[in-house]
Amino acid sequence: MQSPSFDELLALLTAAPLSSTDLARLRDWLDSIRDPAECLALIEAAAAGRPCPHCACARLHRSGFASGLQRYRCLGCRRSFNALTGTPLARLRKRECWLPYIKCLLESRTVRDAALATGVHRTTSFRWRHRFAPGAARHRPAALTGIVEADETYRLESQKGSRTLSRPPRKRGGAARRRGINREHDCLLVARDRIGTTLDFHTGRGPVTAAQLRTCLRPVLPGDGLLISDGAAAYVRFALDAGITHESVNVRAGRRARGAIHIQNVNGWHSRFKNWLVRFKGVASRYLANYSGWQRLLDAQVLRTPAQWLCAAVRQVQ
C-alpha cells in the first residue's frame, strides 16, 4: 500500500473538523519533530571559540567530523575533542531527541512521561535527566547583592535505587529514628536576595555548621550587604568571623518578621521546591543537588526554551 503524500495529508487535515483537543495534540506532535541538524547547529554555536577541554590551550585546528560534529585537535597536548567533550552531555546518543526531551524538563515531567513523549527507554530518560539538569545548573549566579536571606531545609536521607543499604530499610515516607534534625537528614542551604537571585548548596547530613556557611556563603555575599537568617547559632558565629552585618529572626518564638527583617522569600522557595518534588515520589540523597538546581532554573525562568537550556549545558563554565 502506497503511503499518502504530504499534500494529501494536509488536504485531509484541512477538511477534517478538528476540536481544540485535536489541535493541541497536533501542536504537541509538531513541536516534537526536530531536524537533527538543528540540535547539532546549536551545540556548535554554543561551544564556538572554546579552548581545549584537556589543557585549556587555545591553539587548535580542525580534524574532521564524527557523528555530525566537528572535531578539533589541540596543538598543545595533541588530543582531539568535539563541542561536547568535557560537558555533561558527552557520549550521549540520539541527539535528535534532545530538544524534545529538554521540553519535558521545562514541563517537569516524570521519567516515564518524558520517555514516552520522546520515544526513548525509561532508563535513558533517567540518565538524561541527570545530565541535562545538572549541566544547565552549572551556570549559577556569581554573587548575591543587597539584603540576602539564608535558611536551610532538611529532607530525610534516602538511598532510593541503591542495591546495598547502609542502614535497615524503611518504607517510603517513613520517619527518622530520633527526634529533631540529626545525621539522618540531608541539609539543603538556600541563599536568596531581594531581587530573586538564588543559590543552593547541598551541605550533607545534619545541621549546617559555621564552617559550611563559610565555605558556601562567604564567596557570594556582598561585603556591604545584610545577611538575614533564623536564630541558629551557626549563622551568628559565621557572621562574626566573616565581619558581615547580620540580623536574625526568632522563628521558633513565632516572630516571623520585624519590618524588612524576615526570611519569607527563601522560605517561599523552600515551599515551592518541596511541593514540586512531590510529583517524583521520592528523591535519592545523591541526586538532591541535581533537583534543587533544576528547580532553581525553573523558578528563575532564565532558560525558557529548549534551545537556551541546551546551549547552557554545552557552554564551558569559566
Protein backbone atom coordinates (compact mmCIF):
# COMPACT_ATOMS: atom_id res chain seq x y z
CA MET A 1 0.00 0.00 0.00
CA GLN A 2 1.45 3.36 -1.02
CA SER A 3 1.80 5.94 1.72
CA PRO A 4 -0.12 9.21 1.20
CA SER A 5 1.89 12.23 0.18
CA PHE A 6 2.27 15.32 2.33
CA ASP A 7 -0.17 17.28 0.15
CA GLU A 8 -2.81 14.57 0.62
CA LEU A 9 -2.31 14.53 4.38
CA LEU A 10 -2.52 18.33 4.50
CA ALA A 11 -5.76 18.24 2.49
CA LEU A 12 -7.24 15.68 4.90
CA LEU A 13 -6.29 17.78 7.93
CA THR A 14 -7.71 20.91 6.35
CA ALA A 15 -11.01 19.21 5.57
CA ALA A 16 -11.35 17.46 8.94
CA PRO A 17 -13.24 19.26 11.76
CA LEU A 18 -10.55 19.46 14.44
CA SER A 19 -11.52 20.11 18.06
CA SER A 20 -9.41 22.12 20.50
CA THR A 21 -8.07 18.86 21.93
CA ASP A 22 -7.11 17.63 18.46
CA LEU A 23 -5.36 20.93 17.70
CA ALA A 24 -3.41 20.74 20.97
CA ARG A 25 -2.31 17.18 20.16
CA LEU A 26 -1.30 18.26 16.67
CA ARG A 27 0.76 21.17 18.04
CA ASP A 28 2.49 18.88 20.54
CA TRP A 29 3.31 16.43 17.77
CA LEU A 30 4.71 19.18 15.55
CA ASP A 31 6.78 20.55 18.44
CA SER A 32 8.25 17.09 19.00
CA ILE A 33 9.53 16.89 15.42
CA ARG A 34 13.01 18.35 15.25
CA ASP A 35 15.56 18.42 12.50
CA PRO A 36 18.72 16.67 13.82
CA ALA A 37 20.77 19.39 12.18
CA GLU A 38 19.11 21.99 14.44
CA CYS A 39 20.47 20.36 17.60
CA LEU A 40 23.96 19.99 16.10
CA ALA A 41 23.97 23.63 14.98
CA LEU A 42 23.04 24.81 18.48
CA ILE A 43 25.80 22.69 20.02
CA GLU A 44 28.44 24.04 17.63
CA ALA A 45 27.32 27.64 18.17
CA ALA A 46 27.32 27.31 21.98
CA ALA A 47 30.85 25.85 22.02
CA ALA A 48 32.35 28.25 19.45
CA GLY A 49 35.72 29.62 20.48
CA ARG A 50 36.22 27.32 23.46
CA PRO A 51 39.82 26.22 24.22
CA CYS A 52 40.97 22.64 24.55
CA PRO A 53 38.99 20.96 27.35
CA HIS A 54 42.03 18.85 28.26
CA CYS A 55 44.75 21.51 28.68
CA ALA A 56 42.93 24.84 28.06
CA CYS A 57 45.22 25.64 25.14
CA ALA A 58 43.64 27.99 22.59
CA ARG A 59 45.78 26.77 19.66
CA LEU A 60 43.90 24.07 17.75
CA HIS A 61 42.88 23.09 14.24
CA ARG A 62 40.05 21.20 12.59
CA SER A 63 40.38 17.43 12.46
CA GLY A 64 37.44 16.03 10.51
CA PHE A 65 33.87 15.19 11.51
CA ALA A 66 32.38 12.45 13.68
CA SER A 67 28.67 11.86 14.41
CA GLY A 68 27.81 15.15 12.75
CA LEU A 69 30.07 17.28 14.96
CA GLN A 70 33.32 18.99 14.02
CA ARG A 71 36.37 17.53 15.75
CA TYR A 72 39.42 19.58 16.70
CA ARG A 73 43.00 18.68 17.56
CA CYS A 74 44.86 20.65 20.19
CA LEU A 75 48.35 21.82 19.17
CA GLY A 76 49.43 21.78 22.81
CA CYS A 77 48.53 18.30 24.08
CA ARG A 78 47.78 16.79 20.62
CA ARG A 79 44.48 15.35 21.86
CA SER A 80 41.28 15.61 19.83
CA PHE A 81 37.84 16.68 21.02
CA ASN A 82 34.48 18.00 19.85
CA ALA A 83 31.98 20.54 21.17
CA LEU A 84 30.63 18.10 23.79
CA THR A 85 33.94 16.89 25.22
CA GLY A 86 34.22 17.82 28.88
CA THR A 87 30.49 18.61 29.24
CA PRO A 88 27.81 16.51 30.98
CA LEU A 89 26.36 15.70 27.56
CA ALA A 90 29.47 13.93 26.26
CA ARG A 91 28.90 10.43 24.79
CA LEU A 92 25.11 10.69 24.86
CA ARG A 93 23.27 9.32 21.82
CA LYS A 94 20.03 10.12 19.95
CA ARG A 95 20.70 13.84 19.63
CA GLU A 96 17.59 14.27 17.52
CA CYS A 97 15.60 13.62 20.74
CA TRP A 98 17.47 16.09 22.94
CA LEU A 99 15.37 19.19 22.29
CA PRO A 100 12.02 17.39 22.78
CA TYR A 101 13.40 15.87 25.98
CA ILE A 102 14.52 19.27 27.31
CA LYS A 103 10.97 20.48 26.67
CA CYS A 104 9.85 17.71 29.03
CA LEU A 105 12.31 19.03 31.64
CA LEU A 106 10.84 22.50 31.30
CA GLU A 107 7.41 20.96 31.91
CA SER A 108 8.72 18.96 34.92
CA ARG A 109 7.52 15.64 33.53
CA THR A 110 8.28 12.36 35.25
CA VAL A 111 10.84 9.90 33.91
CA ARG A 112 8.24 7.66 32.27
CA ASP A 113 6.22 10.52 30.81
CA ALA A 114 9.36 12.05 29.28
CA ALA A 115 10.42 8.66 27.89
CA LEU A 116 7.01 8.14 26.30
CA ALA A 117 6.95 11.65 24.81
CA THR A 118 10.42 11.38 23.24
CA GLY A 119 10.46 7.70 22.30
CA VAL A 120 13.41 6.63 24.47
CA HIS A 121 13.69 3.99 27.17
CA ARG A 122 12.91 4.96 30.76
CA THR A 123 16.48 4.25 31.88
CA THR A 124 17.71 6.56 29.12
CA SER A 125 15.22 9.17 30.29
CA PHE A 126 16.54 8.93 33.86
CA ARG A 127 20.16 9.17 32.71
CA TRP A 128 19.39 12.18 30.53
CA ARG A 129 17.58 13.92 33.41
CA HIS A 130 20.75 13.78 35.50
CA ARG A 131 22.89 15.03 32.64
CA PHE A 132 20.80 17.87 31.22
CA ALA A 133 19.58 19.31 34.53
CA PRO A 134 22.99 19.49 36.27
CA GLY A 135 24.59 20.57 33.00
CA ALA A 136 22.44 23.67 32.75
CA ALA A 137 22.51 24.25 36.52
CA ARG A 138 26.31 24.64 36.44
CA HIS A 139 25.65 28.21 35.33
CA ARG A 140 24.96 29.85 38.66
CA PRO A 141 24.87 33.49 39.69
CA ALA A 142 28.35 34.69 40.65
CA ALA A 143 27.21 36.66 43.70
CA LEU A 144 24.23 37.97 45.63
CA THR A 145 23.51 41.63 46.27
CA GLY A 146 21.99 43.83 48.95
CA ILE A 147 19.86 42.09 51.55
CA VAL A 148 20.40 38.32 51.49
CA GLU A 149 18.16 35.80 53.20
CA ALA A 150 19.67 32.43 54.08
CA ASP A 151 17.97 29.40 55.55
CA GLU A 152 18.23 25.66 55.26
CA THR A 153 15.63 22.98 54.70
CA TYR A 154 16.01 19.32 55.61
CA ARG A 155 14.86 16.12 53.98
CA LEU A 156 15.06 12.63 55.39
CA GLU A 157 18.07 10.80 53.95
CA SER A 158 17.10 8.47 51.10
CA GLN A 159 19.02 5.64 49.45
CA LYS A 160 16.39 5.10 46.77
CA GLY A 161 17.75 2.97 43.93
CA SER A 162 20.75 1.66 45.88
CA ARG A 163 21.43 -2.06 45.71
CA THR A 164 23.11 -2.08 49.13
CA LEU A 165 21.89 -0.04 52.09
CA SER A 166 24.00 1.32 54.95
CA ARG A 167 21.00 1.10 57.32
CA PRO A 168 17.90 -1.06 57.79
CA PRO A 169 15.32 -0.41 55.05
CA ARG A 170 12.24 1.68 55.79
CA LYS A 171 9.01 2.40 53.98
CA ARG A 172 8.78 5.42 51.73
CA GLY A 173 7.73 8.45 53.72
CA GLY A 174 8.98 6.96 56.99
CA ALA A 175 10.26 8.91 59.96
CA ALA A 176 13.70 9.29 61.49
CA ARG A 177 14.61 7.16 64.48
CA ARG A 178 15.41 10.22 66.59
CA ARG A 179 13.57 13.49 67.07
CA GLY A 180 14.84 16.77 65.66
CA ILE A 181 17.43 17.46 62.96
CA ASN A 182 20.21 14.88 63.05
CA ARG A 183 22.53 12.88 60.80
CA GLU A 184 19.52 11.14 59.26
CA HIS A 185 18.60 14.34 57.40
CA ASP A 186 20.10 15.95 54.30
CA CYS A 187 20.65 19.69 54.54
CA LEU A 188 19.90 22.00 51.59
CA LEU A 189 21.12 25.54 52.21
CA VAL A 190 19.47 28.27 50.13
CA ALA A 191 20.52 31.93 49.92
CA ARG A 192 18.30 34.42 48.12
CA ASP A 193 18.48 38.20 47.76
CA ARG A 194 15.55 40.57 47.44
CA ILE A 195 15.68 40.72 43.63
CA GLY A 196 15.17 36.95 43.37
CA THR A 197 18.72 35.77 42.69
CA THR A 198 19.03 32.34 44.32
CA LEU A 199 21.90 30.00 45.15
CA ASP A 200 21.54 26.48 46.54
CA PHE A 201 24.12 24.35 48.37
CA HIS A 202 23.90 20.72 49.45
CA THR A 203 25.94 20.65 52.69
CA GLY A 204 25.47 16.97 53.54
CA ARG A 205 23.96 15.33 56.61
CA GLY A 206 22.95 17.01 59.84
CA PRO A 207 22.55 20.65 60.88
CA VAL A 208 24.54 23.26 58.99
CA THR A 209 27.76 24.42 60.67
CA ALA A 210 29.64 27.72 60.69
CA ALA A 211 32.46 26.13 58.65
CA GLN A 212 29.97 25.05 55.97
CA LEU A 213 28.45 28.52 55.91
CA ARG A 214 31.92 30.00 55.48
CA THR A 215 32.62 27.71 52.53
CA CYS A 216 29.27 28.23 50.80
CA LEU A 217 28.21 31.78 51.58
CA ARG A 218 31.38 33.81 52.11
CA PRO A 219 32.40 33.89 48.39
CA VAL A 220 28.93 35.04 47.23
CA LEU A 221 27.86 37.51 49.91
CA PRO A 222 28.43 41.24 49.33
CA GLY A 223 30.84 42.88 51.75
CA ASP A 224 28.45 45.78 52.41
CA GLY A 225 25.28 43.71 52.41
CA LEU A 226 22.99 42.42 55.14
CA LEU A 227 22.56 38.74 55.96
CA ILE A 228 19.24 37.69 57.48
CA SER A 229 18.71 34.23 58.95
CA ASP A 230 16.89 32.42 61.69
CA GLY A 231 18.26 32.23 65.21
CA ALA A 232 20.67 29.33 64.60
CA ALA A 233 24.00 29.83 66.38
CA ALA A 234 25.97 28.80 63.28
CA TYR A 235 24.91 31.98 61.45
CA VAL A 236 25.95 34.17 64.38
CA ARG A 237 29.42 32.61 64.53
CA PHE A 238 29.82 32.81 60.74
CA ALA A 239 28.81 36.48 60.60
CA LEU A 240 31.19 37.42 63.41
CA ASP A 241 34.12 35.58 61.83
CA ALA A 242 33.43 36.99 58.35
CA GLY A 243 32.69 40.53 59.52
CA ILE A 244 29.27 40.57 57.86
CA THR A 245 26.29 42.57 59.12
CA HIS A 246 23.78 40.05 60.37
CA GLU A 247 20.21 40.10 61.64
CA SER A 248 18.28 37.11 62.91
CA VAL A 249 14.58 36.32 63.18
CA ASN A 250 13.40 34.21 66.11
CA VAL A 251 11.08 31.97 64.12
CA ARG A 252 10.67 29.47 66.95
CA ALA A 253 9.17 32.19 69.13
CA GLY A 254 6.63 32.98 66.42
CA ARG A 255 8.30 36.25 65.36
CA ARG A 256 8.47 35.89 61.60
CA ALA A 257 9.17 39.50 60.64
CA ARG A 258 10.42 42.80 62.02
CA GLY A 259 9.63 45.20 59.22
CA ALA A 260 12.02 44.36 56.37
CA ILE A 261 13.86 41.83 58.54
CA HIS A 262 12.38 38.47 57.54
CA ILE A 263 13.23 35.28 55.63
CA GLN A 264 9.90 34.86 53.86
CA ASN A 265 11.43 34.89 50.36
CA VAL A 266 13.77 31.99 50.99
CA ASN A 267 11.10 30.07 52.91
CA GLY A 268 8.77 30.56 49.96
CA TRP A 269 11.41 28.99 47.72
CA HIS A 270 11.65 26.05 50.12
CA SER A 271 7.88 25.58 49.93
CA ARG A 272 7.81 25.67 46.13
CA PHE A 273 10.71 23.21 45.98
CA LYS A 274 9.07 20.68 48.30
CA ASN A 275 5.71 20.88 46.53
CA TRP A 276 7.46 20.45 43.17
CA LEU A 277 9.32 17.34 44.41
CA VAL A 278 6.10 15.52 45.29
CA ARG A 279 5.48 14.52 41.66
CA PHE A 280 8.69 12.45 41.59
CA LYS A 281 7.61 10.25 44.53
CA GLY A 282 10.91 10.29 46.39
CA VAL A 283 14.37 11.57 45.51
CA ALA A 284 17.64 9.83 46.40
CA SER A 285 20.02 11.88 48.54
CA ARG A 286 22.82 11.64 45.99
CA TYR A 287 20.61 13.40 43.43
CA LEU A 288 19.20 16.09 45.73
CA ALA A 289 21.60 18.76 44.42
CA ASN A 290 20.53 17.96 40.83
CA TYR A 291 16.86 18.50 41.67
CA SER A 292 17.49 21.72 43.60
CA GLY A 293 19.48 23.07 40.65
CA TRP A 294 16.68 22.04 38.28
CA GLN A 295 14.07 23.83 40.39
CA ARG A 296 16.33 26.89 40.68
CA LEU A 297 16.41 27.18 36.89
CA LEU A 298 12.64 26.77 36.60
CA ASP A 299 11.97 29.25 39.38
CA ALA A 300 14.32 31.88 37.93
CA GLN A 301 12.77 31.46 34.44
CA VAL A 302 16.07 32.35 32.80
CA LEU A 303 16.10 29.37 30.41
CA ARG A 304 12.66 29.45 28.81
CA THR A 305 13.23 27.38 25.65
CA PRO A 306 14.88 24.01 24.93
CA ALA A 307 17.47 25.76 22.76
CA GLN A 308 18.53 28.05 25.63
CA TRP A 309 18.74 25.08 28.01
CA LEU A 310 20.86 23.06 25.58
CA CYS A 311 23.27 25.97 24.98
CA ALA A 312 23.63 26.48 28.74
CA ALA A 313 24.51 22.81 29.24
CA VAL A 314 27.12 22.88 26.47
CA ARG A 315 28.86 26.17 27.26
CA GLN A 316 32.08 25.86 29.22
CA VAL A 317 31.86 27.22 32.75
CA GLN A 318 34.62 29.70 33.48
